[in-house]
């Protein structure tokens, strides 16, 4: 996979470039009226939704954390809490998520966040050669090895996603 960063520079692409991790920037034309940013990305890029992962900020027992799950499913909050040794999880306040990551909703990447948070990647990613995650802005996904995503974010892997259409 070629390394690309020209004119797509975000903290996420900068982090990948600095680490020497191969990735492909996959820009697309974002529609502000899209109901689901992740499903929009899959459709616009012609990629199976099980390979496109959304980044969700979660409050686990009062601490912010990152859950990365396929866009064709949902985050299992109980599983997310358990994966981090917590008791209760809820989706984080959107403003808190934006402050913590430095990204806007719909463009939050698990990479290059202003303040890194404990991260859990759904274990379904490990069965894929590459996955796509937000590149740090709406209309930009990054394709990379799931093993590199886990390594760079210091993530744990666990079954934190619920599956649809299976």
C-alpha atoms as a PDB file:
ATOM      1  CA  UNK A   1       0.000   0.000   0.000  1.00  0.00           C
ATOM      2  CA  UNK A   2       1.401   3.393  -0.930  1.00  0.00           C
ATOM      3  CA  UNK A   3       1.796   6.067   1.661  1.00  0.00           C
ATOM      4  CA  UNK A   4      -0.255   9.156   0.800  1.00  0.00           C
ATOM      5  CA  UNK A   5      -0.512  12.431   2.614  1.00  0.00           C
ATOM      6  CA  UNK A   6      -0.400  15.204   0.016  1.00  0.00           C
ATOM      7  CA  UNK A   7      -3.115  17.807   0.550  1.00  0.00           C
ATOM      8  CA  UNK A   8      -5.008  15.474   2.872  1.00  0.00           C
ATOM      9  CA  UNK A   9      -3.014  16.566   5.911  1.00  0.00           C
ATOM     10  CA  UNK A  10      -4.767  15.990   9.209  1.00  0.00           C
ATOM     11  CA  UNK A  11      -3.347  15.010  12.599  1.00  0.00           C
ATOM     12  CA  UNK A  12      -4.328  11.409  11.738  1.00  0.00           C
ATOM     13  CA  UNK A  13      -2.403  11.317   8.449  1.00  0.00           C
ATOM     14  CA  UNK A  14       0.523  13.116  10.090  1.00  0.00           C
ATOM     15  CA  UNK A  15       0.632  10.469  12.841  1.00  0.00           C
ATOM     16  CA  UNK A  16       0.675   7.682  10.269  1.00  0.00           C
ATOM     17  CA  UNK A  17       3.362   9.369   8.184  1.00  0.00           C
ATOM     18  CA  UNK A  18       5.518  10.036  11.263  1.00  0.00           C
ATOM     19  CA  UNK A  19       5.247   6.375  12.272  1.00  0.00           C
ATOM     20  CA  UNK A  20       6.105   5.217   8.747  1.00  0.00           C
ATOM     21  CA  UNK A  21       2.846   3.271   8.499  1.00  0.00           C
ATOM     22  CA  UNK A  22       1.554   2.543   4.992  1.00  0.00           C
ATOM     23  CA  UNK A  23      -1.947   3.883   4.381  1.00  0.00           C
ATOM     24  CA  UNK A  24      -4.172   5.113   1.595  1.00  0.00           C
ATOM     25  CA  UNK A  25      -6.104   8.366   1.948  1.00  0.00           C
ATOM     26  CA  UNK A  26      -9.598   7.789   0.549  1.00  0.00           C
ATOM     27  CA  UNK A  27     -11.340  11.158   0.077  1.00  0.00           C
ATOM     28  CA  UNK A  28     -14.965  11.356  -1.028  1.00  0.00           C
ATOM     29  CA  UNK A  29     -17.584  14.033  -1.521  1.00  0.00           C
ATOM     30  CA  UNK A  30     -19.389  14.350   1.824  1.00  0.00           C
ATOM     31  CA  UNK A  31     -23.092  15.228   1.853  1.00  0.00           C
ATOM     32  CA  UNK A  32     -23.926  17.258   4.988  1.00  0.00           C
ATOM     33  CA  UNK A  33     -27.452  15.790   4.905  1.00  0.00           C
ATOM     34  CA  UNK A  34     -26.183  12.183   5.177  1.00  0.00           C
ATOM     35  CA  UNK A  35     -27.919  10.289   7.982  1.00  0.00           C
ATOM     36  CA  UNK A  36     -24.849   8.138   8.752  1.00  0.00           C
ATOM     37  CA  UNK A  37     -21.325   9.353   8.068  1.00  0.00           C
ATOM     38  CA  UNK A  38     -19.914   5.816   8.106  1.00  0.00           C
ATOM     39  CA  UNK A  39     -22.485   4.270   5.792  1.00  0.00           C
ATOM     40  CA  UNK A  40     -22.100   7.278   3.500  1.00  0.00           C
ATOM     41  CA  UNK A  41     -18.335   6.633   3.343  1.00  0.00           C
ATOM     42  CA  UNK A  42     -18.867   2.951   2.512  1.00  0.00           C
ATOM     43  CA  UNK A  43     -21.313   3.809  -0.259  1.00  0.00           C
ATOM     44  CA  UNK A  44     -19.286   6.671  -1.728  1.00  0.00           C
ATOM     45  CA  UNK A  45     -16.067   4.627  -1.687  1.00  0.00           C
ATOM     46  CA  UNK A  46     -17.706   1.416  -2.931  1.00  0.00           C
ATOM     47  CA  UNK A  47     -16.470  -0.538   0.092  1.00  0.00           C
ATOM     48  CA  UNK A  48     -18.264  -3.280   2.040  1.00  0.00           C
ATOM     49  CA  UNK A  49     -19.609  -1.588   5.216  1.00  0.00           C
ATOM     50  CA  UNK A  50     -18.063  -4.347   7.348  1.00  0.00           C
ATOM     51  CA  UNK A  51     -14.627  -2.923   6.378  1.00  0.00           C
ATOM     52  CA  UNK A  52     -15.504   0.681   7.301  1.00  0.00           C
ATOM     53  CA  UNK A  53     -15.205   1.420  11.020  1.00  0.00           C
ATOM     54  CA  UNK A  54     -16.668   4.322  12.981  1.00  0.00           C
ATOM     55  CA  UNK A  55     -14.944   5.970  15.913  1.00  0.00           C
ATOM     56  CA  UNK A  56     -17.174   6.597  18.926  1.00  0.00           C
ATOM     57  CA  UNK A  57     -16.186   8.468  22.059  1.00  0.00           C
ATOM     58  CA  UNK A  58     -17.573   6.831  25.178  1.00  0.00           C
ATOM     59  CA  UNK A  59     -17.696   7.728  28.847  1.00  0.00           C
ATOM     60  CA  UNK A  60     -16.698   4.646  30.867  1.00  0.00           C
ATOM     61  CA  UNK A  61     -17.135   5.203  34.592  1.00  0.00           C
ATOM     62  CA  UNK A  62     -16.327   8.903  34.183  1.00  0.00           C
ATOM     63  CA  UNK A  63     -13.342   8.460  31.828  1.00  0.00           C
ATOM     64  CA  UNK A  64     -13.407   9.080  28.084  1.00  0.00           C
ATOM     65  CA  UNK A  65     -12.497   6.173  25.838  1.00  0.00           C
ATOM     66  CA  UNK A  66     -12.621   5.319  22.136  1.00  0.00           C
ATOM     67  CA  UNK A  67     -14.634   2.481  20.597  1.00  0.00           C
ATOM     68  CA  UNK A  68     -13.967   1.507  16.966  1.00  0.00           C
ATOM     69  CA  UNK A  69     -16.696  -0.652  15.395  1.00  0.00           C
ATOM     70  CA  UNK A  70     -17.995  -1.480  11.899  1.00  0.00           C
ATOM     71  CA  UNK A  71     -20.453   1.069  10.510  1.00  0.00           C
ATOM     72  CA  UNK A  72     -22.971  -1.683   9.722  1.00  0.00           C
ATOM     73  CA  UNK A  73     -23.434  -2.403  13.421  1.00  0.00           C
ATOM     74  CA  UNK A  74     -23.637  -0.665  16.770  1.00  0.00           C
ATOM     75  CA  UNK A  75     -21.409  -0.285  19.797  1.00  0.00           C
ATOM     76  CA  UNK A  76     -22.348  -2.637  22.656  1.00  0.00           C
ATOM     77  CA  UNK A  77     -21.892  -0.314  25.620  1.00  0.00           C
ATOM     78  CA  UNK A  78     -21.800  -3.125  28.202  1.00  0.00           C
ATOM     79  CA  UNK A  79     -19.087  -4.934  26.221  1.00  0.00           C
ATOM     80  CA  UNK A  80     -17.157  -1.678  25.861  1.00  0.00           C
ATOM     81  CA  UNK A  81     -17.226  -1.075  29.614  1.00  0.00           C
ATOM     82  CA  UNK A  82     -16.165  -4.660  30.281  1.00  0.00           C
ATOM     83  CA  UNK A  83     -13.282  -4.436  27.784  1.00  0.00           C
ATOM     84  CA  UNK A  84     -11.870  -1.533  29.800  1.00  0.00           C
ATOM     85  CA  UNK A  85     -12.581  -3.074  33.212  1.00  0.00           C
ATOM     86  CA  UNK A  86     -15.439  -0.668  33.843  1.00  0.00           C
ATOM     87  CA  UNK A  87     -18.991  -1.099  35.005  1.00  0.00           C
ATOM     88  CA  UNK A  88     -20.987   1.373  32.925  1.00  0.00           C
ATOM     89  CA  UNK A  89     -20.547   3.098  29.584  1.00  0.00           C
ATOM     90  CA  UNK A  90     -22.511   5.748  27.729  1.00  0.00           C
ATOM     91  CA  UNK A  91     -21.841   7.711  24.582  1.00  0.00           C
ATOM     92  CA  UNK A  92     -19.768  10.773  25.441  1.00  0.00           C
ATOM     93  CA  UNK A  93     -21.124  14.287  25.296  1.00  0.00           C
ATOM     94  CA  UNK A  94     -20.459  15.483  21.705  1.00  0.00           C
ATOM     95  CA  UNK A  95     -18.780  18.707  22.860  1.00  0.00           C
ATOM     96  CA  UNK A  96     -16.518  16.760  25.233  1.00  0.00           C
ATOM     97  CA  UNK A  97     -15.614  14.353  22.425  1.00  0.00           C
ATOM     98  CA  UNK A  98     -14.674  17.223  20.124  1.00  0.00           C
ATOM     99  CA  UNK A  99     -12.605  18.978  22.811  1.00  0.00           C
ATOM    100  CA  UNK A 100     -10.773  15.793  23.746  1.00  0.00           C
ATOM    101  CA  UNK A 101      -9.974  14.684  20.202  1.00  0.00           C
ATOM    102  CA  UNK A 102      -9.575  17.971  18.366  1.00  0.00           C
ATOM    103  CA  UNK A 103     -11.881  16.655  15.644  1.00  0.00           C
ATOM    104  CA  UNK A 104     -15.504  17.440  14.735  1.00  0.00           C
ATOM    105  CA  UNK A 105     -18.257  14.821  14.980  1.00  0.00           C
ATOM    106  CA  UNK A 106     -18.372  12.747  11.819  1.00  0.00           C
ATOM    107  CA  UNK A 107     -14.635  13.273  11.407  1.00  0.00           C
ATOM    108  CA  UNK A 108     -13.261  11.861  14.665  1.00  0.00           C
ATOM    109  CA  UNK A 109     -10.338   9.593  13.913  1.00  0.00           C
ATOM    110  CA  UNK A 110      -8.878   7.091  16.369  1.00  0.00           C
ATOM    111  CA  UNK A 111      -5.463   8.421  15.265  1.00  0.00           C
ATOM    112  CA  UNK A 112      -3.827  11.755  16.020  1.00  0.00           C
ATOM    113  CA  UNK A 113      -6.230  12.790  18.751  1.00  0.00           C
ATOM    114  CA  UNK A 114      -5.371  15.901  20.782  1.00  0.00           C
ATOM    115  CA  UNK A 115      -5.510  13.837  23.995  1.00  0.00           C
ATOM    116  CA  UNK A 116      -5.323  10.085  23.397  1.00  0.00           C
ATOM    117  CA  UNK A 117      -7.860   7.950  25.236  1.00  0.00           C
ATOM    118  CA  UNK A 118      -7.985   4.229  26.001  1.00  0.00           C
ATOM    119  CA  UNK A 119      -9.078   2.568  22.774  1.00  0.00           C
ATOM    120  CA  UNK A 120     -10.891  -0.666  21.995  1.00  0.00           C
ATOM    121  CA  UNK A 121     -11.140  -1.953  18.419  1.00  0.00           C
ATOM    122  CA  UNK A 122     -13.842  -4.487  17.595  1.00  0.00           C
ATOM    123  CA  UNK A 123     -12.215  -7.872  17.077  1.00  0.00           C
ATOM    124  CA  UNK A 124     -13.873  -8.291  13.666  1.00  0.00           C
ATOM    125  CA  UNK A 125     -11.179  -5.955  12.294  1.00  0.00           C
ATOM    126  CA  UNK A 126      -8.485  -8.563  12.877  1.00  0.00           C
ATOM    127  CA  UNK A 127      -9.932 -10.869  10.213  1.00  0.00           C
ATOM    128  CA  UNK A 128      -9.513  -8.226   7.504  1.00  0.00           C
ATOM    129  CA  UNK A 129      -6.422  -7.270   5.496  1.00  0.00           C
ATOM    130  CA  UNK A 130      -7.304  -3.570   5.662  1.00  0.00           C
ATOM    131  CA  UNK A 131      -9.997  -1.437   7.245  1.00  0.00           C
ATOM    132  CA  UNK A 132     -11.098   2.151   6.770  1.00  0.00           C
ATOM    133  CA  UNK A 133     -11.401   4.671   9.589  1.00  0.00           C
ATOM    134  CA  UNK A 134     -11.995   8.402   9.598  1.00  0.00           C
ATOM    135  CA  UNK A 135      -9.012  10.390   8.434  1.00  0.00           C
ATOM    136  CA  UNK A 136      -9.780  13.307  10.709  1.00  0.00           C
ATOM    137  CA  UNK A 137     -12.358  15.216   8.717  1.00  0.00           C
ATOM    138  CA  UNK A 138     -15.714  14.527   7.115  1.00  0.00           C
ATOM    139  CA  UNK A 139     -15.164  13.207   3.611  1.00  0.00           C
ATOM    140  CA  UNK A 140     -11.811  11.525   4.291  1.00  0.00           C
ATOM    141  CA  UNK A 141     -11.228   7.933   5.295  1.00  0.00           C
ATOM    142  CA  UNK A 142      -7.887   6.206   5.758  1.00  0.00           C
ATOM    143  CA  UNK A 143      -7.303   2.616   4.685  1.00  0.00           C
ATOM    144  CA  UNK A 144      -4.729   0.757   6.735  1.00  0.00           C
ATOM    145  CA  UNK A 145      -3.885  -2.548   8.362  1.00  0.00           C
ATOM    146  CA  UNK A 146      -5.983  -3.217  11.476  1.00  0.00           C
ATOM    147  CA  UNK A 147      -2.842  -4.480  13.232  1.00  0.00           C
ATOM    148  CA  UNK A 148      -1.171  -1.092  12.634  1.00  0.00           C
ATOM    149  CA  UNK A 149      -4.245   0.738  13.955  1.00  0.00           C
ATOM    150  CA  UNK A 150      -4.158  -1.374  17.119  1.00  0.00           C
ATOM    151  CA  UNK A 151      -0.411  -0.834  17.510  1.00  0.00           C
ATOM    152  CA  UNK A 152      -0.467   2.932  16.985  1.00  0.00           C
ATOM    153  CA  UNK A 153      -3.409   3.561  19.300  1.00  0.00           C
ATOM    154  CA  UNK A 154      -2.294   1.049  21.942  1.00  0.00           C
ATOM    155  CA  UNK A 155      -5.758  -0.453  21.563  1.00  0.00           C
ATOM    156  CA  UNK A 156      -7.225  -3.567  23.039  1.00  0.00           C
ATOM    157  CA  UNK A 157      -9.361  -5.773  20.831  1.00  0.00           C
ATOM    158  CA  UNK A 158     -12.656  -7.236  21.988  1.00  0.00           C
ATOM    159  CA  UNK A 159     -16.095  -8.006  20.656  1.00  0.00           C
ATOM    160  CA  UNK A 160     -17.645  -4.596  21.290  1.00  0.00           C
ATOM    161  CA  UNK A 161     -19.810  -4.329  18.188  1.00  0.00           C
ATOM    162  CA  UNK A 162     -23.236  -5.725  17.485  1.00  0.00           C
ATOM    163  CA  UNK A 163     -23.708  -7.024  13.979  1.00  0.00           C
ATOM    164  CA  UNK A 164     -26.483  -6.161  11.546  1.00  0.00           C
ATOM    165  CA  UNK A 165     -27.276  -7.922   8.280  1.00  0.00           C
ATOM    166  CA  UNK A 166     -25.629 -11.187   9.226  1.00  0.00           C
END
